[in-house]
Amino acid sequence: MASEEIKETWLTQEAYDRLKGELDTLSTTGREEIAKRIEAAREEGDLKENGGYHAAKDEQGKIEARIRTLTALLKDVKVGEAPESSGVVETGTVITATIAGDEATFLLGNREIAAGTDYTVYSESSPMGAAILGLKVGEKSTFTAPNGKDIEVEVINVATFTG
């Protein structure tokens, strides 16, 4: 994208509640528990050869990274019902498409929406997502894959995401 724009993420209420709960837990008890583990491991002595200390510090890094990810995701979020399908590809719809000759069904949006479902998820900012966003059933587009190949995609169906 040539210009920077605020990217709003759409989430179902269930996904938002789940992610907000995870963030709250990690930010409070998660941090407290890992701090206790680090302190207990530190008391064992020499930190150079203390596997428990290093494992706890690695876990702390993972917790802090997840907190940053969730905070960023929930900062610019739009919570609501999945958009009612109108035959146009939009965030939060289930797309059936022919991609390079193979048929696939997937959700367009954030992978957190599809937790607990069997849907593959493509971001609307991915090369394919950006290429099909706004297309109607029967329309085609081409996107460039990470390997540099141009891939044709045809929208066969657009359905409402039901979770």
N, C-alpha and C. Protein backbone atom coordinates (compact mmCIF):
# COMPACT_ATOMS: atom_id res chain seq x y z
N MET A 1 0.83 -1.17 0.00
CA MET A 1 0.00 0.00 0.00
C MET A 1 0.88 1.24 0.00
N ALA A 2 0.55 2.18 -0.80
CA ALA A 2 1.33 3.39 -0.93
C ALA A 2 1.16 4.30 0.29
N SER A 3 -0.02 4.39 0.83
CA SER A 3 -0.25 5.26 1.98
C SER A 3 -0.54 4.42 3.20
N GLU A 4 -0.17 4.97 4.36
CA GLU A 4 -0.46 4.27 5.59
C GLU A 4 -1.89 4.56 6.00
N GLU A 5 -2.60 3.53 6.40
CA GLU A 5 -3.95 3.72 6.87
C GLU A 5 -4.16 2.87 8.11
N ILE A 6 -5.07 3.28 8.94
CA ILE A 6 -5.37 2.49 10.12
C ILE A 6 -6.13 1.26 9.67
N LYS A 7 -5.62 0.10 10.03
CA LYS A 7 -6.25 -1.14 9.63
C LYS A 7 -7.14 -1.64 10.75
N GLU A 8 -8.41 -1.70 10.50
CA GLU A 8 -9.37 -2.16 11.48
C GLU A 8 -9.56 -3.66 11.29
N THR A 9 -9.52 -4.39 12.39
CA THR A 9 -9.71 -5.83 12.36
C THR A 9 -11.13 -6.15 12.80
N TRP A 10 -11.81 -7.00 12.05
CA TRP A 10 -13.15 -7.42 12.42
C TRP A 10 -13.06 -8.72 13.21
N LEU A 11 -13.77 -8.78 14.33
CA LEU A 11 -13.85 -9.99 15.14
C LEU A 11 -15.29 -10.22 15.56
N THR A 12 -15.63 -11.48 15.70
CA THR A 12 -16.92 -11.80 16.29
C THR A 12 -16.85 -11.47 17.78
N GLN A 13 -17.99 -11.34 18.44
CA GLN A 13 -18.01 -11.07 19.88
C GLN A 13 -17.32 -12.19 20.63
N GLU A 14 -17.57 -13.43 20.21
CA GLU A 14 -16.95 -14.59 20.87
C GLU A 14 -15.44 -14.52 20.76
N ALA A 15 -14.91 -14.20 19.58
CA ALA A 15 -13.46 -14.11 19.38
C ALA A 15 -12.88 -12.97 20.21
N TYR A 16 -13.56 -11.83 20.23
CA TYR A 16 -13.10 -10.69 21.02
C TYR A 16 -13.05 -11.05 22.50
N ASP A 17 -14.11 -11.65 23.01
CA ASP A 17 -14.17 -12.02 24.43
C ASP A 17 -13.06 -13.00 24.78
N ARG A 18 -12.82 -13.98 23.91
CA ARG A 18 -11.78 -14.98 24.15
C ARG A 18 -10.40 -14.32 24.18
N LEU A 19 -10.13 -13.46 23.20
CA LEU A 19 -8.82 -12.80 23.12
C LEU A 19 -8.62 -11.81 24.25
N LYS A 20 -9.66 -11.07 24.62
CA LYS A 20 -9.57 -10.12 25.73
C LYS A 20 -9.32 -10.87 27.03
N GLY A 21 -9.98 -12.00 27.21
CA GLY A 21 -9.75 -12.83 28.40
C GLY A 21 -8.33 -13.34 28.45
N GLU A 22 -7.81 -13.79 27.31
CA GLU A 22 -6.43 -14.27 27.25
C GLU A 22 -5.47 -13.13 27.60
N LEU A 23 -5.70 -11.95 27.03
CA LEU A 23 -4.83 -10.80 27.31
C LEU A 23 -4.87 -10.44 28.79
N ASP A 24 -6.07 -10.41 29.38
CA ASP A 24 -6.20 -10.08 30.80
C ASP A 24 -5.46 -11.10 31.67
N THR A 25 -5.59 -12.37 31.35
CA THR A 25 -4.93 -13.43 32.11
C THR A 25 -3.41 -13.32 31.98
N LEU A 26 -2.92 -13.18 30.76
CA LEU A 26 -1.48 -13.08 30.55
C LEU A 26 -0.89 -11.84 31.22
N SER A 27 -1.63 -10.74 31.19
CA SER A 27 -1.14 -9.48 31.74
C SER A 27 -1.10 -9.49 33.26
N THR A 28 -1.87 -10.38 33.88
CA THR A 28 -1.91 -10.40 35.34
C THR A 28 -1.28 -11.69 35.86
N THR A 29 -2.06 -12.74 35.97
CA THR A 29 -1.54 -13.98 36.57
C THR A 29 -0.42 -14.60 35.75
N GLY A 30 -0.47 -14.45 34.43
CA GLY A 30 0.60 -15.01 33.59
C GLY A 30 1.94 -14.38 33.90
N ARG A 31 1.95 -13.06 34.01
CA ARG A 31 3.20 -12.35 34.35
C ARG A 31 3.65 -12.69 35.77
N GLU A 32 2.70 -12.77 36.70
CA GLU A 32 3.04 -13.07 38.09
C GLU A 32 3.65 -14.46 38.22
N GLU A 33 3.04 -15.44 37.54
CA GLU A 33 3.52 -16.81 37.63
C GLU A 33 4.92 -16.95 37.03
N ILE A 34 5.16 -16.32 35.89
CA ILE A 34 6.47 -16.46 35.27
C ILE A 34 7.53 -15.73 36.09
N ALA A 35 7.17 -14.61 36.72
CA ALA A 35 8.12 -13.89 37.58
C ALA A 35 8.52 -14.78 38.76
N LYS A 36 7.55 -15.50 39.34
CA LYS A 36 7.84 -16.41 40.45
C LYS A 36 8.76 -17.54 40.00
N ARG A 37 8.50 -18.08 38.80
CA ARG A 37 9.35 -19.16 38.28
C ARG A 37 10.78 -18.67 38.04
N ILE A 38 10.91 -17.47 37.52
CA ILE A 38 12.25 -16.91 37.28
C ILE A 38 12.98 -16.70 38.60
N GLU A 39 12.28 -16.15 39.58
CA GLU A 39 12.88 -15.90 40.90
C GLU A 39 13.31 -17.21 41.56
N ALA A 40 12.44 -18.23 41.48
CA ALA A 40 12.78 -19.52 42.07
C ALA A 40 13.99 -20.14 41.38
N ALA A 41 14.06 -20.02 40.07
CA ALA A 41 15.19 -20.57 39.33
C ALA A 41 16.46 -19.77 39.62
N ARG A 42 16.33 -18.48 39.80
CA ARG A 42 17.48 -17.60 40.10
C ARG A 42 18.10 -18.01 41.44
N GLU A 43 17.26 -18.42 42.38
CA GLU A 43 17.74 -18.81 43.70
C GLU A 43 18.51 -20.12 43.69
N GLU A 44 18.41 -20.86 42.58
CA GLU A 44 19.12 -22.14 42.47
C GLU A 44 20.61 -21.94 42.26
N GLY A 45 21.02 -20.74 41.93
CA GLY A 45 22.46 -20.50 41.80
C GLY A 45 22.88 -20.05 40.43
N ASP A 46 24.04 -20.56 40.00
CA ASP A 46 24.71 -20.15 38.76
C ASP A 46 23.75 -20.08 37.58
N LEU A 47 23.55 -18.86 37.04
CA LEU A 47 22.58 -18.67 35.97
C LEU A 47 23.08 -19.19 34.62
N LYS A 48 24.39 -19.32 34.45
CA LYS A 48 24.94 -19.77 33.17
C LYS A 48 24.48 -21.18 32.83
N GLU A 49 24.43 -22.03 33.84
CA GLU A 49 24.08 -23.43 33.60
C GLU A 49 22.74 -23.80 34.21
N ASN A 50 21.87 -22.81 34.39
CA ASN A 50 20.59 -23.04 35.03
C ASN A 50 19.50 -23.16 33.96
N GLY A 51 19.21 -24.38 33.55
CA GLY A 51 18.22 -24.64 32.50
C GLY A 51 16.83 -24.13 32.85
N GLY A 52 16.44 -24.26 34.11
CA GLY A 52 15.13 -23.78 34.54
C GLY A 52 15.00 -22.28 34.40
N TYR A 53 16.08 -21.55 34.72
CA TYR A 53 16.07 -20.10 34.60
C TYR A 53 15.93 -19.69 33.13
N HIS A 54 16.71 -20.31 32.26
CA HIS A 54 16.67 -19.96 30.84
C HIS A 54 15.33 -20.33 30.21
N ALA A 55 14.76 -21.46 30.62
CA ALA A 55 13.44 -21.86 30.10
C ALA A 55 12.38 -20.86 30.55
N ALA A 56 12.46 -20.42 31.81
CA ALA A 56 11.49 -19.46 32.31
C ALA A 56 11.64 -18.11 31.61
N LYS A 57 12.87 -17.69 31.35
CA LYS A 57 13.09 -16.43 30.63
C LYS A 57 12.56 -16.53 29.19
N ASP A 58 12.74 -17.68 28.55
CA ASP A 58 12.19 -17.88 27.21
C ASP A 58 10.66 -17.80 27.24
N GLU A 59 10.07 -18.44 28.24
CA GLU A 59 8.60 -18.41 28.40
C GLU A 59 8.13 -16.98 28.64
N GLN A 60 8.88 -16.23 29.43
CA GLN A 60 8.54 -14.82 29.69
C GLN A 60 8.53 -14.04 28.37
N GLY A 61 9.52 -14.28 27.53
CA GLY A 61 9.58 -13.61 26.23
C GLY A 61 8.38 -13.94 25.36
N LYS A 62 7.96 -15.19 25.39
CA LYS A 62 6.79 -15.61 24.61
C LYS A 62 5.52 -14.96 25.14
N ILE A 63 5.38 -14.89 26.46
CA ILE A 63 4.20 -14.26 27.06
C ILE A 63 4.15 -12.78 26.68
N GLU A 64 5.29 -12.10 26.79
CA GLU A 64 5.32 -10.67 26.47
C GLU A 64 5.03 -10.43 24.98
N ALA A 65 5.52 -11.32 24.12
CA ALA A 65 5.24 -11.19 22.68
C ALA A 65 3.75 -11.38 22.40
N ARG A 66 3.13 -12.35 23.06
CA ARG A 66 1.70 -12.59 22.88
C ARG A 66 0.89 -11.40 23.41
N ILE A 67 1.31 -10.84 24.53
CA ILE A 67 0.63 -9.66 25.07
C ILE A 67 0.70 -8.52 24.07
N ARG A 68 1.86 -8.28 23.47
CA ARG A 68 2.00 -7.21 22.47
C ARG A 68 1.12 -7.48 21.25
N THR A 69 1.09 -8.73 20.80
CA THR A 69 0.27 -9.09 19.64
C THR A 69 -1.21 -8.86 19.93
N LEU A 70 -1.68 -9.33 21.08
CA LEU A 70 -3.09 -9.17 21.44
C LEU A 70 -3.45 -7.71 21.64
N THR A 71 -2.57 -6.95 22.27
CA THR A 71 -2.83 -5.53 22.49
C THR A 71 -2.98 -4.80 21.16
N ALA A 72 -2.09 -5.10 20.23
CA ALA A 72 -2.16 -4.45 18.91
C ALA A 72 -3.42 -4.87 18.16
N LEU A 73 -3.76 -6.15 18.23
CA LEU A 73 -4.94 -6.66 17.54
C LEU A 73 -6.22 -6.04 18.09
N LEU A 74 -6.33 -5.96 19.39
CA LEU A 74 -7.55 -5.47 20.02
C LEU A 74 -7.66 -3.94 20.02
N LYS A 75 -6.57 -3.27 19.68
CA LYS A 75 -6.57 -1.80 19.67
C LYS A 75 -7.50 -1.24 18.60
N ASP A 76 -7.41 -1.76 17.40
CA ASP A 76 -8.22 -1.27 16.28
C ASP A 76 -9.17 -2.37 15.82
N VAL A 77 -10.09 -2.74 16.70
CA VAL A 77 -10.97 -3.86 16.40
C VAL A 77 -12.41 -3.38 16.26
N LYS A 78 -13.10 -4.02 15.34
CA LYS A 78 -14.54 -3.79 15.16
C LYS A 78 -15.21 -5.11 15.54
N VAL A 79 -16.06 -5.07 16.54
CA VAL A 79 -16.71 -6.28 17.03
C VAL A 79 -18.14 -6.29 16.53
N GLY A 80 -18.56 -7.42 16.01
CA GLY A 80 -19.93 -7.54 15.55
C GLY A 80 -20.19 -8.86 14.87
N GLU A 81 -21.35 -8.95 14.28
CA GLU A 81 -21.75 -10.14 13.56
C GLU A 81 -21.03 -10.20 12.21
N ALA A 82 -20.90 -11.39 11.70
CA ALA A 82 -20.32 -11.56 10.36
C ALA A 82 -21.21 -10.84 9.35
N PRO A 83 -20.59 -10.22 8.36
CA PRO A 83 -21.42 -9.54 7.36
C PRO A 83 -22.29 -10.54 6.59
N GLU A 84 -23.51 -10.15 6.34
CA GLU A 84 -24.43 -10.98 5.55
C GLU A 84 -23.90 -11.01 4.13
N SER A 85 -23.75 -12.19 3.57
CA SER A 85 -23.21 -12.31 2.21
C SER A 85 -24.12 -11.64 1.19
N SER A 86 -23.49 -10.84 0.34
CA SER A 86 -24.23 -10.21 -0.75
C SER A 86 -23.61 -10.59 -2.09
N GLY A 87 -22.79 -11.64 -2.07
CA GLY A 87 -22.14 -12.08 -3.30
C GLY A 87 -20.87 -11.30 -3.60
N VAL A 88 -20.44 -10.46 -2.66
CA VAL A 88 -19.22 -9.68 -2.83
C VAL A 88 -18.23 -10.11 -1.75
N VAL A 89 -16.98 -10.31 -2.12
CA VAL A 89 -15.95 -10.72 -1.18
C VAL A 89 -15.66 -9.56 -0.22
N GLU A 90 -15.82 -9.83 1.08
CA GLU A 90 -15.48 -8.84 2.10
C GLU A 90 -14.94 -9.56 3.32
N THR A 91 -14.29 -8.82 4.19
CA THR A 91 -13.75 -9.39 5.41
C THR A 91 -14.86 -10.05 6.22
N GLY A 92 -14.60 -11.28 6.67
CA GLY A 92 -15.58 -11.98 7.48
C GLY A 92 -16.51 -12.88 6.68
N THR A 93 -16.25 -13.04 5.38
CA THR A 93 -17.08 -13.94 4.58
C THR A 93 -16.29 -15.21 4.24
N VAL A 94 -17.03 -16.26 3.95
CA VAL A 94 -16.45 -17.54 3.55
C VAL A 94 -16.46 -17.59 2.03
N ILE A 95 -15.30 -17.77 1.46
CA ILE A 95 -15.12 -17.72 0.02
C ILE A 95 -14.84 -19.12 -0.52
N THR A 96 -15.49 -19.47 -1.60
CA THR A 96 -15.11 -20.64 -2.37
C THR A 96 -14.56 -20.10 -3.67
N ALA A 97 -13.34 -20.52 -4.00
CA ALA A 97 -12.68 -19.98 -5.18
C ALA A 97 -11.84 -21.05 -5.86
N THR A 98 -11.59 -20.84 -7.12
CA THR A 98 -10.64 -21.67 -7.85
C THR A 98 -9.33 -20.91 -7.85
N ILE A 99 -8.32 -21.52 -7.25
CA ILE A 99 -7.00 -20.89 -7.13
C ILE A 99 -6.02 -21.76 -7.90
N ALA A 100 -5.49 -21.20 -8.97
CA ALA A 100 -4.55 -21.93 -9.83
C ALA A 100 -5.13 -23.28 -10.25
N GLY A 101 -6.44 -23.31 -10.51
CA GLY A 101 -7.10 -24.51 -10.99
C GLY A 101 -7.65 -25.42 -9.92
N ASP A 102 -7.34 -25.16 -8.66
CA ASP A 102 -7.84 -26.00 -7.56
C ASP A 102 -8.90 -25.24 -6.77
N GLU A 103 -9.98 -25.93 -6.42
CA GLU A 103 -11.05 -25.29 -5.65
C GLU A 103 -10.71 -25.31 -4.17
N ALA A 104 -10.95 -24.19 -3.49
CA ALA A 104 -10.70 -24.09 -2.06
C ALA A 104 -11.79 -23.23 -1.42
N THR A 105 -12.11 -23.56 -0.17
CA THR A 105 -13.05 -22.76 0.62
C THR A 105 -12.29 -22.27 1.83
N PHE A 106 -12.41 -20.97 2.11
CA PHE A 106 -11.65 -20.36 3.20
C PHE A 106 -12.37 -19.13 3.72
N LEU A 107 -11.93 -18.69 4.88
CA LEU A 107 -12.46 -17.48 5.50
C LEU A 107 -11.51 -16.34 5.20
N LEU A 108 -12.04 -15.20 4.85
CA LEU A 108 -11.22 -14.01 4.63
C LEU A 108 -11.30 -13.16 5.88
N GLY A 109 -10.17 -12.97 6.55
CA GLY A 109 -10.17 -12.18 7.78
C GLY A 109 -9.00 -12.55 8.66
N ASN A 110 -9.20 -12.47 9.96
CA ASN A 110 -8.18 -12.75 10.95
C ASN A 110 -8.31 -14.19 11.42
N ARG A 111 -7.19 -14.87 11.57
CA ARG A 111 -7.23 -16.29 11.96
C ARG A 111 -7.88 -16.52 13.31
N GLU A 112 -7.88 -15.49 14.15
CA GLU A 112 -8.49 -15.62 15.48
C GLU A 112 -10.00 -15.82 15.39
N ILE A 113 -10.62 -15.37 14.29
CA ILE A 113 -12.06 -15.53 14.12
C ILE A 113 -12.43 -17.00 13.96
N ALA A 114 -11.57 -17.74 13.28
CA ALA A 114 -11.88 -19.10 12.89
C ALA A 114 -11.47 -20.15 13.92
N ALA A 115 -11.01 -19.73 15.09
CA ALA A 115 -10.62 -20.70 16.12
C ALA A 115 -11.80 -21.63 16.39
N GLY A 116 -11.52 -22.91 16.39
CA GLY A 116 -12.58 -23.89 16.64
C GLY A 116 -13.33 -24.33 15.39
N THR A 117 -12.94 -23.79 14.23
CA THR A 117 -13.53 -24.23 12.97
C THR A 117 -12.45 -24.90 12.13
N ASP A 118 -12.86 -25.49 11.03
CA ASP A 118 -11.91 -26.13 10.13
C ASP A 118 -11.47 -25.22 9.00
N TYR A 119 -11.89 -23.96 9.03
CA TYR A 119 -11.56 -23.05 7.93
C TYR A 119 -10.09 -22.67 7.91
N THR A 120 -9.54 -22.69 6.72
CA THR A 120 -8.26 -22.04 6.47
C THR A 120 -8.60 -20.56 6.40
N VAL A 121 -7.70 -19.71 6.86
CA VAL A 121 -7.97 -18.28 6.88
C VAL A 121 -6.90 -17.55 6.09
N TYR A 122 -7.35 -16.63 5.25
CA TYR A 122 -6.44 -15.74 4.53
C TYR A 122 -6.75 -14.32 4.96
N SER A 123 -5.71 -13.59 5.25
CA SER A 123 -5.86 -12.18 5.61
C SER A 123 -6.26 -11.38 4.38
N GLU A 124 -7.06 -10.34 4.61
CA GLU A 124 -7.43 -9.47 3.50
C GLU A 124 -6.23 -8.67 3.00
N SER A 125 -5.15 -8.63 3.79
CA SER A 125 -3.95 -7.92 3.34
C SER A 125 -2.91 -8.85 2.70
N SER A 126 -3.22 -10.16 2.65
CA SER A 126 -2.33 -11.10 1.96
C SER A 126 -2.45 -10.85 0.46
N PRO A 127 -1.48 -11.30 -0.33
CA PRO A 127 -1.59 -11.08 -1.78
C PRO A 127 -2.91 -11.58 -2.37
N MET A 128 -3.35 -12.79 -1.98
CA MET A 128 -4.59 -13.31 -2.52
C MET A 128 -5.79 -12.54 -1.95
N GLY A 129 -5.78 -12.29 -0.65
CA GLY A 129 -6.88 -11.56 -0.04
C GLY A 129 -7.09 -10.20 -0.67
N ALA A 130 -5.99 -9.48 -0.87
CA ALA A 130 -6.07 -8.16 -1.49
C ALA A 130 -6.58 -8.25 -2.93
N ALA A 131 -6.22 -9.33 -3.63
CA ALA A 131 -6.63 -9.49 -5.03
C ALA A 131 -8.12 -9.77 -5.17
N ILE A 132 -8.72 -10.45 -4.19
CA ILE A 132 -10.14 -10.81 -4.33
C ILE A 132 -11.09 -9.91 -3.56
N LEU A 133 -10.57 -9.10 -2.64
CA LEU A 133 -11.42 -8.22 -1.85
C LEU A 133 -12.23 -7.32 -2.77
N GLY A 134 -13.55 -7.37 -2.62
CA GLY A 134 -14.44 -6.55 -3.45
C GLY A 134 -14.92 -7.22 -4.73
N LEU A 135 -14.38 -8.41 -5.05
CA LEU A 135 -14.83 -9.11 -6.25
C LEU A 135 -16.21 -9.72 -6.03
N LYS A 136 -16.95 -9.90 -7.11
CA LYS A 136 -18.25 -10.55 -7.07
C LYS A 136 -18.10 -11.98 -7.56
N VAL A 137 -19.10 -12.80 -7.24
CA VAL A 137 -19.11 -14.18 -7.71
C VAL A 137 -18.96 -14.19 -9.23
N GLY A 138 -18.06 -15.03 -9.71
CA GLY A 138 -17.80 -15.15 -11.15
C GLY A 138 -16.64 -14.29 -11.63
N GLU A 139 -16.19 -13.35 -10.82
CA GLU A 139 -15.09 -12.49 -11.24
C GLU A 139 -13.75 -13.14 -10.94
N LYS A 140 -12.74 -12.74 -11.73
CA LYS A 140 -11.39 -13.29 -11.60
C LYS A 140 -10.40 -12.18 -11.31
N SER A 141 -9.29 -12.60 -10.74
CA SER A 141 -8.18 -11.69 -10.48
C SER A 141 -6.90 -12.50 -10.49
N THR A 142 -5.79 -11.80 -10.47
CA THR A 142 -4.49 -12.45 -10.43
C THR A 142 -3.69 -11.81 -9.30
N PHE A 143 -2.92 -12.63 -8.60
CA PHE A 143 -2.03 -12.11 -7.57
C PHE A 143 -0.67 -12.76 -7.74
N THR A 144 0.34 -12.11 -7.20
CA THR A 144 1.70 -12.63 -7.28
C THR A 144 2.02 -13.34 -5.97
N ALA A 145 2.34 -14.61 -6.08
CA ALA A 145 2.67 -15.42 -4.91
C ALA A 145 4.06 -15.04 -4.41
N PRO A 146 4.40 -15.42 -3.19
CA PRO A 146 5.73 -15.11 -2.64
C PRO A 146 6.89 -15.63 -3.51
N ASN A 147 6.64 -16.69 -4.27
CA ASN A 147 7.69 -17.22 -5.14
C ASN A 147 7.80 -16.47 -6.46
N GLY A 148 6.96 -15.44 -6.64
CA GLY A 148 7.03 -14.62 -7.85
C GLY A 148 6.08 -15.06 -8.96
N LYS A 149 5.42 -16.21 -8.80
CA LYS A 149 4.48 -16.68 -9.81
C LYS A 149 3.17 -15.92 -9.75
N ASP A 150 2.62 -15.61 -10.91
CA ASP A 150 1.29 -15.02 -10.98
C ASP A 150 0.27 -16.14 -10.92
N ILE A 151 -0.70 -16.00 -10.03
CA ILE A 151 -1.70 -17.04 -9.81
C ILE A 151 -3.08 -16.44 -10.05
N GLU A 152 -3.88 -17.16 -10.83
CA GLU A 152 -5.24 -16.70 -11.11
C GLU A 152 -6.20 -17.27 -10.09
N VAL A 153 -7.13 -16.44 -9.66
CA VAL A 153 -8.15 -16.86 -8.70
C VAL A 153 -9.51 -16.39 -9.20
N GLU A 154 -10.49 -17.30 -9.15
CA GLU A 154 -11.86 -16.98 -9.55
C GLU A 154 -12.79 -17.24 -8.39
N VAL A 155 -13.61 -16.26 -8.05
CA VAL A 155 -14.56 -16.40 -6.96
C VAL A 155 -15.77 -17.21 -7.45
N ILE A 156 -16.03 -18.32 -6.77
CA ILE A 156 -17.15 -19.19 -7.14
C ILE A 156 -18.36 -18.91 -6.26
N ASN A 157 -18.12 -18.68 -4.96
CA ASN A 157 -19.21 -18.43 -4.04
C ASN A 157 -18.73 -17.56 -2.88
N VAL A 158 -19.64 -16.75 -2.35
CA VAL A 158 -19.36 -15.96 -1.15
C VAL A 158 -20.50 -16.25 -0.18
N ALA A 159 -20.15 -16.75 1.02
CA ALA A 159 -21.17 -17.12 2.00
C ALA A 159 -20.96 -16.38 3.30
N THR A 160 -22.01 -16.32 4.09
CA THR A 160 -21.94 -15.70 5.41
C THR A 160 -21.22 -16.64 6.36
N PHE A 161 -20.28 -16.13 7.14
CA PHE A 161 -19.58 -16.91 8.14
C PHE A 161 -20.50 -17.15 9.32
N THR A 162 -20.68 -18.40 9.69
CA THR A 162 -21.57 -18.72 10.81
C THR A 162 -20.82 -19.24 12.02
N GLY A 163 -19.53 -19.34 11.95
CA GLY A 163 -18.74 -19.75 13.10
C GLY A 163 -18.54 -21.19 13.26
